[in-house]
N, C-alpha and C. Protein backbone atom coordinates (compact mmCIF):
# COMPACT_ATOMS: atom_id res chain seq x y z
N UNK A 1 88.94 142.52 148.65
CA UNK A 1 88.78 142.83 150.06
C UNK A 1 87.90 144.08 150.18
N UNK A 2 88.43 145.11 150.83
CA UNK A 2 87.65 146.33 150.97
C UNK A 2 88.59 147.53 150.92
N UNK A 3 88.00 148.71 150.83
CA UNK A 3 88.81 149.92 150.82
C UNK A 3 89.36 150.23 152.20
N UNK A 4 88.78 149.65 153.23
CA UNK A 4 89.20 149.94 154.60
C UNK A 4 90.58 149.39 154.92
N UNK A 5 90.98 148.36 154.26
CA UNK A 5 92.23 147.69 154.60
C UNK A 5 91.95 146.40 155.34
N UNK A 6 92.89 145.50 155.26
CA UNK A 6 92.69 144.18 155.85
C UNK A 6 92.59 144.21 157.37
N UNK A 7 93.37 145.08 158.00
CA UNK A 7 93.34 145.12 159.47
C UNK A 7 91.95 145.53 159.96
N UNK A 8 91.38 146.57 159.34
CA UNK A 8 90.04 147.02 159.73
C UNK A 8 88.99 145.98 159.35
N UNK A 9 89.15 145.35 158.19
CA UNK A 9 88.22 144.31 157.77
C UNK A 9 88.21 143.17 158.78
N UNK A 10 89.39 142.83 159.26
CA UNK A 10 89.52 141.77 160.26
C UNK A 10 88.83 142.16 161.57
N UNK A 11 89.02 143.41 162.00
CA UNK A 11 88.36 143.88 163.23
C UNK A 11 86.84 143.80 163.09
N UNK A 12 86.35 144.21 161.93
CA UNK A 12 84.91 144.15 161.68
C UNK A 12 84.40 142.71 161.68
N UNK A 13 85.21 141.80 161.13
CA UNK A 13 84.82 140.39 161.08
C UNK A 13 84.74 139.80 162.49
N UNK A 14 85.65 140.22 163.37
CA UNK A 14 85.61 139.76 164.76
C UNK A 14 84.32 140.21 165.42
N UNK A 15 83.98 141.48 165.23
CA UNK A 15 82.74 142.01 165.83
C UNK A 15 81.52 141.25 165.31
N UNK A 16 81.50 141.01 164.00
CA UNK A 16 80.37 140.29 163.39
C UNK A 16 80.26 138.88 163.94
N UNK A 17 81.38 138.18 164.05
CA UNK A 17 81.33 136.80 164.55
C UNK A 17 80.96 136.76 166.03
N UNK A 18 81.36 137.78 166.77
CA UNK A 18 80.98 137.83 168.19
C UNK A 18 79.48 138.05 168.33
N UNK A 19 78.93 138.94 167.49
CA UNK A 19 77.49 139.18 167.54
C UNK A 19 76.70 137.93 167.15
N UNK A 20 77.27 137.15 166.23
CA UNK A 20 76.62 135.92 165.78
C UNK A 20 76.85 134.77 166.76
N UNK A 21 77.67 135.01 167.77
CA UNK A 21 78.02 134.01 168.78
C UNK A 21 78.67 132.77 168.16
N UNK A 22 79.49 133.02 167.15
CA UNK A 22 80.23 131.96 166.46
C UNK A 22 81.60 131.85 167.13
N UNK A 23 81.66 131.03 168.17
CA UNK A 23 82.88 130.94 168.99
C UNK A 23 84.09 130.48 168.19
N UNK A 24 83.92 129.47 167.35
CA UNK A 24 85.05 128.92 166.60
C UNK A 24 85.64 129.97 165.66
N UNK A 25 84.78 130.66 164.92
CA UNK A 25 85.26 131.69 164.00
C UNK A 25 85.90 132.86 164.76
N UNK A 26 85.29 133.26 165.86
CA UNK A 26 85.84 134.35 166.67
C UNK A 26 87.23 133.99 167.17
N UNK A 27 87.37 132.75 167.63
CA UNK A 27 88.67 132.31 168.13
C UNK A 27 89.72 132.33 167.02
N UNK A 28 89.36 131.85 165.83
CA UNK A 28 90.30 131.84 164.71
C UNK A 28 90.67 133.27 164.30
N UNK A 29 89.69 134.16 164.29
CA UNK A 29 89.96 135.56 163.94
C UNK A 29 90.86 136.23 164.98
N UNK A 30 90.65 135.88 166.23
CA UNK A 30 91.50 136.45 167.28
C UNK A 30 92.93 135.94 167.18
N UNK A 31 93.10 134.69 166.74
CA UNK A 31 94.46 134.18 166.51
C UNK A 31 95.17 135.02 165.43
N UNK A 32 94.44 135.34 164.39
CA UNK A 32 95.00 136.17 163.32
C UNK A 32 95.36 137.54 163.87
N UNK A 33 94.43 138.14 164.61
CA UNK A 33 94.68 139.47 165.19
C UNK A 33 95.91 139.45 166.11
N UNK A 34 96.04 138.40 166.90
CA UNK A 34 97.16 138.30 167.83
C UNK A 34 98.48 138.24 167.07
N UNK A 35 98.51 137.48 165.99
CA UNK A 35 99.74 137.38 165.19
C UNK A 35 100.08 138.71 164.55
N UNK A 36 99.08 139.41 164.03
CA UNK A 36 99.31 140.72 163.42
C UNK A 36 99.84 141.70 164.47
N UNK A 37 99.24 141.68 165.65
CA UNK A 37 99.66 142.57 166.73
C UNK A 37 101.09 142.23 167.17
N UNK A 38 101.42 140.94 167.22
CA UNK A 38 102.77 140.53 167.61
C UNK A 38 103.79 141.10 166.65
N UNK A 39 103.51 141.01 165.36
CA UNK A 39 104.43 141.52 164.35
C UNK A 39 104.55 143.05 164.47
N UNK A 40 103.42 143.72 164.68
CA UNK A 40 103.45 145.19 164.83
C UNK A 40 104.32 145.60 166.01
N UNK A 41 104.17 144.90 167.13
CA UNK A 41 104.93 145.24 168.33
C UNK A 41 106.40 144.87 168.17
N UNK A 42 106.67 143.68 167.68
CA UNK A 42 108.05 143.22 167.53
C UNK A 42 108.85 144.10 166.56
N UNK A 43 108.23 144.47 165.46
CA UNK A 43 108.94 145.23 164.42
C UNK A 43 108.69 146.73 164.53
N UNK A 44 107.84 147.14 165.46
CA UNK A 44 107.51 148.55 165.68
C UNK A 44 107.09 149.25 164.38
N UNK A 45 106.13 148.62 163.70
CA UNK A 45 105.63 149.17 162.44
C UNK A 45 104.11 149.12 162.45
N UNK A 46 103.52 149.87 161.53
CA UNK A 46 102.09 149.75 161.29
C UNK A 46 101.94 148.92 160.02
N UNK A 47 101.13 147.88 160.09
CA UNK A 47 101.03 146.94 158.98
C UNK A 47 100.21 147.51 157.83
N UNK A 48 100.72 147.32 156.61
CA UNK A 48 99.94 147.63 155.43
C UNK A 48 99.38 146.32 154.88
N UNK A 49 98.52 146.41 153.88
CA UNK A 49 97.86 145.22 153.36
C UNK A 49 98.84 144.19 152.81
N UNK A 50 99.92 144.66 152.17
CA UNK A 50 100.91 143.73 151.61
C UNK A 50 101.54 142.90 152.71
N UNK A 51 101.91 143.55 153.81
CA UNK A 51 102.53 142.84 154.93
C UNK A 51 101.53 141.91 155.60
N UNK A 52 100.28 142.34 155.72
CA UNK A 52 99.24 141.50 156.32
C UNK A 52 99.06 140.24 155.48
N UNK A 53 99.06 140.38 154.17
CA UNK A 53 98.91 139.21 153.29
C UNK A 53 100.07 138.25 153.47
N UNK A 54 101.29 138.78 153.59
CA UNK A 54 102.44 137.89 153.77
C UNK A 54 102.36 137.16 155.12
N UNK A 55 101.86 137.84 156.16
CA UNK A 55 101.69 137.19 157.47
C UNK A 55 100.62 136.11 157.38
N UNK A 56 99.50 136.42 156.73
CA UNK A 56 98.43 135.43 156.58
C UNK A 56 98.90 134.24 155.76
N UNK A 57 99.71 134.51 154.75
CA UNK A 57 100.27 133.44 153.92
C UNK A 57 101.14 132.51 154.77
N UNK A 58 101.95 133.10 155.64
CA UNK A 58 102.81 132.31 156.53
C UNK A 58 101.96 131.48 157.49
N UNK A 59 100.90 132.10 158.03
CA UNK A 59 100.01 131.37 158.94
C UNK A 59 99.34 130.20 158.21
N UNK A 60 98.97 130.42 156.97
CA UNK A 60 98.35 129.38 156.15
C UNK A 60 99.30 128.20 155.98
N UNK A 61 100.55 128.50 155.69
CA UNK A 61 101.55 127.44 155.51
C UNK A 61 101.73 126.66 156.81
N UNK A 62 101.78 127.36 157.94
CA UNK A 62 101.92 126.70 159.23
C UNK A 62 100.74 125.76 159.49
N UNK A 63 99.54 126.22 159.18
CA UNK A 63 98.35 125.39 159.39
C UNK A 63 98.38 124.16 158.51
N UNK A 64 98.78 124.33 157.25
CA UNK A 64 98.84 123.18 156.33
C UNK A 64 99.87 122.15 156.80
N UNK A 65 101.00 122.63 157.31
CA UNK A 65 102.01 121.72 157.86
C UNK A 65 101.44 120.97 159.06
N UNK A 66 100.73 121.68 159.92
CA UNK A 66 100.13 121.06 161.11
C UNK A 66 99.09 120.01 160.72
N UNK A 67 98.28 120.34 159.72
CA UNK A 67 97.25 119.39 159.25
C UNK A 67 97.91 118.10 158.81
N UNK A 68 98.98 118.21 158.03
CA UNK A 68 99.68 117.02 157.54
C UNK A 68 100.22 116.19 158.71
N UNK A 69 100.82 116.86 159.68
CA UNK A 69 101.37 116.16 160.83
C UNK A 69 100.28 115.50 161.66
N UNK A 70 99.17 116.20 161.87
CA UNK A 70 98.07 115.63 162.64
C UNK A 70 97.46 114.42 161.93
N UNK A 71 97.30 114.53 160.61
CA UNK A 71 96.74 113.40 159.86
C UNK A 71 97.68 112.21 159.88
N UNK A 72 98.99 112.46 159.78
CA UNK A 72 99.97 111.37 159.84
C UNK A 72 99.94 110.68 161.20
N UNK A 73 99.63 111.44 162.24
CA UNK A 73 99.59 110.88 163.59
C UNK A 73 98.22 110.32 163.95
N UNK A 74 97.25 110.41 163.01
CA UNK A 74 95.92 109.89 163.27
C UNK A 74 95.08 110.78 164.17
N UNK A 75 95.44 112.05 164.28
CA UNK A 75 94.70 112.99 165.14
C UNK A 75 93.79 113.85 164.27
N UNK A 76 92.76 113.21 163.72
CA UNK A 76 91.88 113.87 162.77
C UNK A 76 91.09 115.03 163.37
N UNK A 77 90.75 114.93 164.67
CA UNK A 77 89.98 116.02 165.29
C UNK A 77 90.82 117.31 165.35
N UNK A 78 92.12 117.17 165.58
CA UNK A 78 93.00 118.34 165.58
C UNK A 78 93.20 118.87 164.16
N UNK A 79 93.30 117.95 163.21
CA UNK A 79 93.44 118.35 161.81
C UNK A 79 92.21 119.14 161.35
N UNK A 80 91.04 118.74 161.79
CA UNK A 80 89.81 119.44 161.42
C UNK A 80 89.79 120.86 161.96
N UNK A 81 90.30 121.04 163.19
CA UNK A 81 90.39 122.38 163.78
C UNK A 81 91.31 123.27 162.98
N UNK A 82 92.44 122.72 162.56
CA UNK A 82 93.39 123.48 161.74
C UNK A 82 92.78 123.80 160.37
N UNK A 83 92.06 122.85 159.82
CA UNK A 83 91.41 123.05 158.53
C UNK A 83 90.40 124.20 158.60
N UNK A 84 89.69 124.28 159.70
CA UNK A 84 88.75 125.39 159.89
C UNK A 84 89.49 126.72 159.91
N UNK A 85 90.63 126.76 160.61
CA UNK A 85 91.44 127.98 160.65
C UNK A 85 91.95 128.35 159.26
N UNK A 86 92.32 127.36 158.47
CA UNK A 86 92.77 127.60 157.09
C UNK A 86 91.66 128.31 156.31
N UNK A 87 90.44 127.81 156.45
CA UNK A 87 89.31 128.41 155.73
C UNK A 87 89.08 129.85 156.16
N UNK A 88 89.21 130.13 157.45
CA UNK A 88 89.02 131.49 157.96
C UNK A 88 90.12 132.41 157.42
N UNK A 89 91.36 131.94 157.45
CA UNK A 89 92.47 132.75 156.94
C UNK A 89 92.29 133.04 155.46
N UNK A 90 91.85 132.04 154.71
CA UNK A 90 91.66 132.22 153.26
C UNK A 90 90.60 133.26 152.94
N UNK A 91 89.67 133.50 153.86
CA UNK A 91 88.65 134.53 153.65
C UNK A 91 89.27 135.92 153.48
N UNK A 92 90.46 136.12 154.02
CA UNK A 92 91.09 137.44 154.01
C UNK A 92 92.22 137.54 152.97
N UNK A 93 92.47 136.47 152.26
CA UNK A 93 93.50 136.48 151.22
C UNK A 93 92.86 136.73 149.86
N UNK A 94 93.65 137.24 148.92
CA UNK A 94 93.11 137.42 147.56
C UNK A 94 92.72 136.07 146.96
N UNK A 95 91.91 136.11 145.92
CA UNK A 95 91.46 134.88 145.27
C UNK A 95 92.65 134.08 144.74
N UNK A 96 92.61 132.78 144.91
CA UNK A 96 93.70 131.91 144.48
C UNK A 96 93.85 131.93 142.96
N UNK A 97 95.08 131.75 142.52
CA UNK A 97 95.37 131.71 141.08
C UNK A 97 95.02 130.34 140.51
N UNK A 98 94.55 130.32 139.29
CA UNK A 98 94.28 129.05 138.61
C UNK A 98 95.59 128.48 138.08
N UNK A 99 95.56 127.22 137.67
CA UNK A 99 96.75 126.58 137.11
C UNK A 99 97.26 127.33 135.88
N UNK A 100 96.32 127.78 135.03
CA UNK A 100 96.70 128.50 133.81
C UNK A 100 97.38 129.82 134.15
N UNK A 101 96.82 130.55 135.13
CA UNK A 101 97.40 131.82 135.53
C UNK A 101 98.80 131.62 136.12
N UNK A 102 98.95 130.58 136.94
CA UNK A 102 100.25 130.27 137.51
C UNK A 102 101.27 129.95 136.43
N UNK A 103 100.86 129.11 135.48
CA UNK A 103 101.76 128.75 134.39
C UNK A 103 102.19 129.98 133.61
N UNK A 104 101.25 130.88 133.34
CA UNK A 104 101.56 132.10 132.60
C UNK A 104 102.57 132.96 133.35
N UNK A 105 102.39 133.09 134.67
CA UNK A 105 103.32 133.87 135.49
C UNK A 105 104.71 133.25 135.44
N UNK A 106 104.78 131.92 135.58
CA UNK A 106 106.07 131.23 135.57
C UNK A 106 106.76 131.38 134.22
N UNK A 107 106.02 131.18 133.13
CA UNK A 107 106.61 131.29 131.78
C UNK A 107 107.13 132.71 131.55
N UNK A 108 106.36 133.70 131.96
CA UNK A 108 106.78 135.09 131.78
C UNK A 108 108.03 135.38 132.60
N UNK A 109 108.08 134.88 133.84
CA UNK A 109 109.24 135.11 134.71
C UNK A 109 110.48 134.45 134.13
N UNK A 110 110.32 133.26 133.55
CA UNK A 110 111.46 132.57 132.93
C UNK A 110 111.96 133.39 131.74
N UNK A 111 111.05 133.91 130.95
CA UNK A 111 111.44 134.73 129.79
C UNK A 111 112.10 136.03 130.25
N UNK A 112 111.52 136.68 131.26
CA UNK A 112 112.06 137.96 131.74
C UNK A 112 113.44 137.81 132.37
N UNK A 113 113.71 136.67 132.99
CA UNK A 113 115.00 136.48 133.66
C UNK A 113 116.03 135.79 132.78
N UNK A 114 115.65 135.47 131.55
CA UNK A 114 116.53 134.74 130.63
C UNK A 114 117.07 133.46 131.25
N UNK A 115 116.21 132.77 131.99
CA UNK A 115 116.61 131.53 132.66
C UNK A 115 116.81 130.43 131.63
N UNK A 116 117.90 129.69 131.82
CA UNK A 116 118.20 128.62 130.87
C UNK A 116 118.24 127.25 131.52
N UNK A 117 118.22 127.19 132.82
CA UNK A 117 118.27 125.90 133.49
C UNK A 117 118.04 126.04 134.98
N UNK A 118 118.26 124.95 135.69
CA UNK A 118 118.00 124.92 137.12
C UNK A 118 118.85 125.93 137.89
N UNK A 119 120.01 126.30 137.36
CA UNK A 119 120.87 127.24 138.05
C UNK A 119 120.23 128.63 138.17
N UNK A 120 119.24 128.90 137.33
CA UNK A 120 118.56 130.19 137.32
C UNK A 120 117.24 130.18 138.10
N UNK A 121 116.98 129.11 138.84
CA UNK A 121 115.71 128.99 139.54
C UNK A 121 115.51 130.13 140.55
N UNK A 122 116.55 130.55 141.22
CA UNK A 122 116.46 131.63 142.20
C UNK A 122 115.99 132.93 141.56
N UNK A 123 116.51 133.23 140.38
CA UNK A 123 116.09 134.44 139.67
C UNK A 123 114.61 134.38 139.33
N UNK A 124 114.19 133.22 138.85
CA UNK A 124 112.79 133.04 138.44
C UNK A 124 111.88 133.16 139.66
N UNK A 125 112.22 132.49 140.74
CA UNK A 125 111.39 132.53 141.95
C UNK A 125 111.33 133.95 142.52
N UNK A 126 112.43 134.72 142.41
CA UNK A 126 112.43 136.10 142.89
C UNK A 126 111.40 136.94 142.13
N UNK A 127 111.22 136.65 140.84
CA UNK A 127 110.23 137.37 140.04
C UNK A 127 108.81 136.88 140.31
N UNK A 128 108.68 135.59 140.56
CA UNK A 128 107.35 134.98 140.72
C UNK A 128 106.75 135.26 142.09
N UNK A 129 107.57 135.19 143.14
CA UNK A 129 107.07 135.27 144.52
C UNK A 129 106.18 136.48 144.80
N UNK A 130 106.58 137.69 144.43
CA UNK A 130 105.70 138.83 144.74
C UNK A 130 104.33 138.74 144.05
N UNK A 131 104.28 138.11 142.91
CA UNK A 131 103.03 138.02 142.14
C UNK A 131 102.06 136.98 142.71
N UNK A 132 102.60 136.00 143.43
CA UNK A 132 101.75 134.91 143.93
C UNK A 132 101.46 135.02 145.42
N UNK A 133 102.04 136.02 146.09
CA UNK A 133 101.91 136.16 147.53
C UNK A 133 100.45 136.07 147.97
N UNK A 134 100.15 135.06 148.77
CA UNK A 134 98.80 134.89 149.28
C UNK A 134 97.82 134.30 148.29
N UNK A 135 98.27 133.99 147.08
CA UNK A 135 97.36 133.51 146.06
C UNK A 135 97.71 132.09 145.58
N UNK A 136 98.87 131.57 146.01
CA UNK A 136 99.29 130.21 145.63
C UNK A 136 100.34 129.73 146.62
N UNK A 137 100.44 128.42 146.77
CA UNK A 137 101.45 127.83 147.64
C UNK A 137 102.81 127.90 146.96
N UNK A 138 103.79 128.42 147.67
CA UNK A 138 105.13 128.58 147.11
C UNK A 138 105.73 127.23 146.73
N UNK A 139 105.45 126.19 147.51
CA UNK A 139 105.99 124.86 147.22
C UNK A 139 105.52 124.34 145.87
N UNK A 140 104.22 124.50 145.60
CA UNK A 140 103.68 124.04 144.32
C UNK A 140 104.25 124.86 143.17
N UNK A 141 104.40 126.17 143.38
CA UNK A 141 104.93 127.02 142.34
C UNK A 141 106.39 126.66 142.07
N UNK A 142 107.13 126.36 143.14
CA UNK A 142 108.52 125.95 143.01
C UNK A 142 108.64 124.69 142.15
N UNK A 143 107.74 123.72 142.40
CA UNK A 143 107.75 122.50 141.59
C UNK A 143 107.42 122.79 140.13
N UNK A 144 106.49 123.72 139.92
CA UNK A 144 106.12 124.11 138.56
C UNK A 144 107.31 124.77 137.86
N UNK A 145 108.04 125.63 138.56
CA UNK A 145 109.23 126.27 137.99
C UNK A 145 110.28 125.21 137.64
N UNK A 146 110.50 124.27 138.56
CA UNK A 146 111.48 123.19 138.31
C UNK A 146 111.12 122.41 137.06
N UNK A 147 109.86 122.01 136.97
CA UNK A 147 109.45 121.20 135.82
C UNK A 147 109.53 121.98 134.52
N UNK A 148 109.24 123.28 134.57
CA UNK A 148 109.29 124.11 133.38
C UNK A 148 110.73 124.34 132.94
N UNK A 149 111.64 124.51 133.93
CA UNK A 149 113.05 124.75 133.60
C UNK A 149 113.75 123.46 133.13
N UNK A 150 113.27 122.32 133.58
CA UNK A 150 113.95 121.05 133.25
C UNK A 150 113.78 120.67 131.78
């Protein structure tokens, strides 16, 4: 990202997209800003980059769920709009982890937690989640943990 922080980077991106007259990108960026502002007001806090990443990660999950529902309903034009928002949100998240990196994190977490079976999945996920925040889908990682523990 940048040394300025994600909130400032986002503000700068809005200004840039407005100057470029990119309405779709500006609208998506404003949706992100609105969600960040809502959290700041509701929780009466100033957001740090870690919290911003977790909010963006949640927004990403919501968009992916919407895309699936729209595609199942045959509403491809709405799914495309959500897909565009996903791409914009991903611009502000850290680079995604590769399969090898994910596997290494999961194997290390299993070793660190002395997990021996499915009953220890919660311990493993507690160790894995902070490391993958914004860099991998929790659902896929959960399946990887299950298959590794089985």
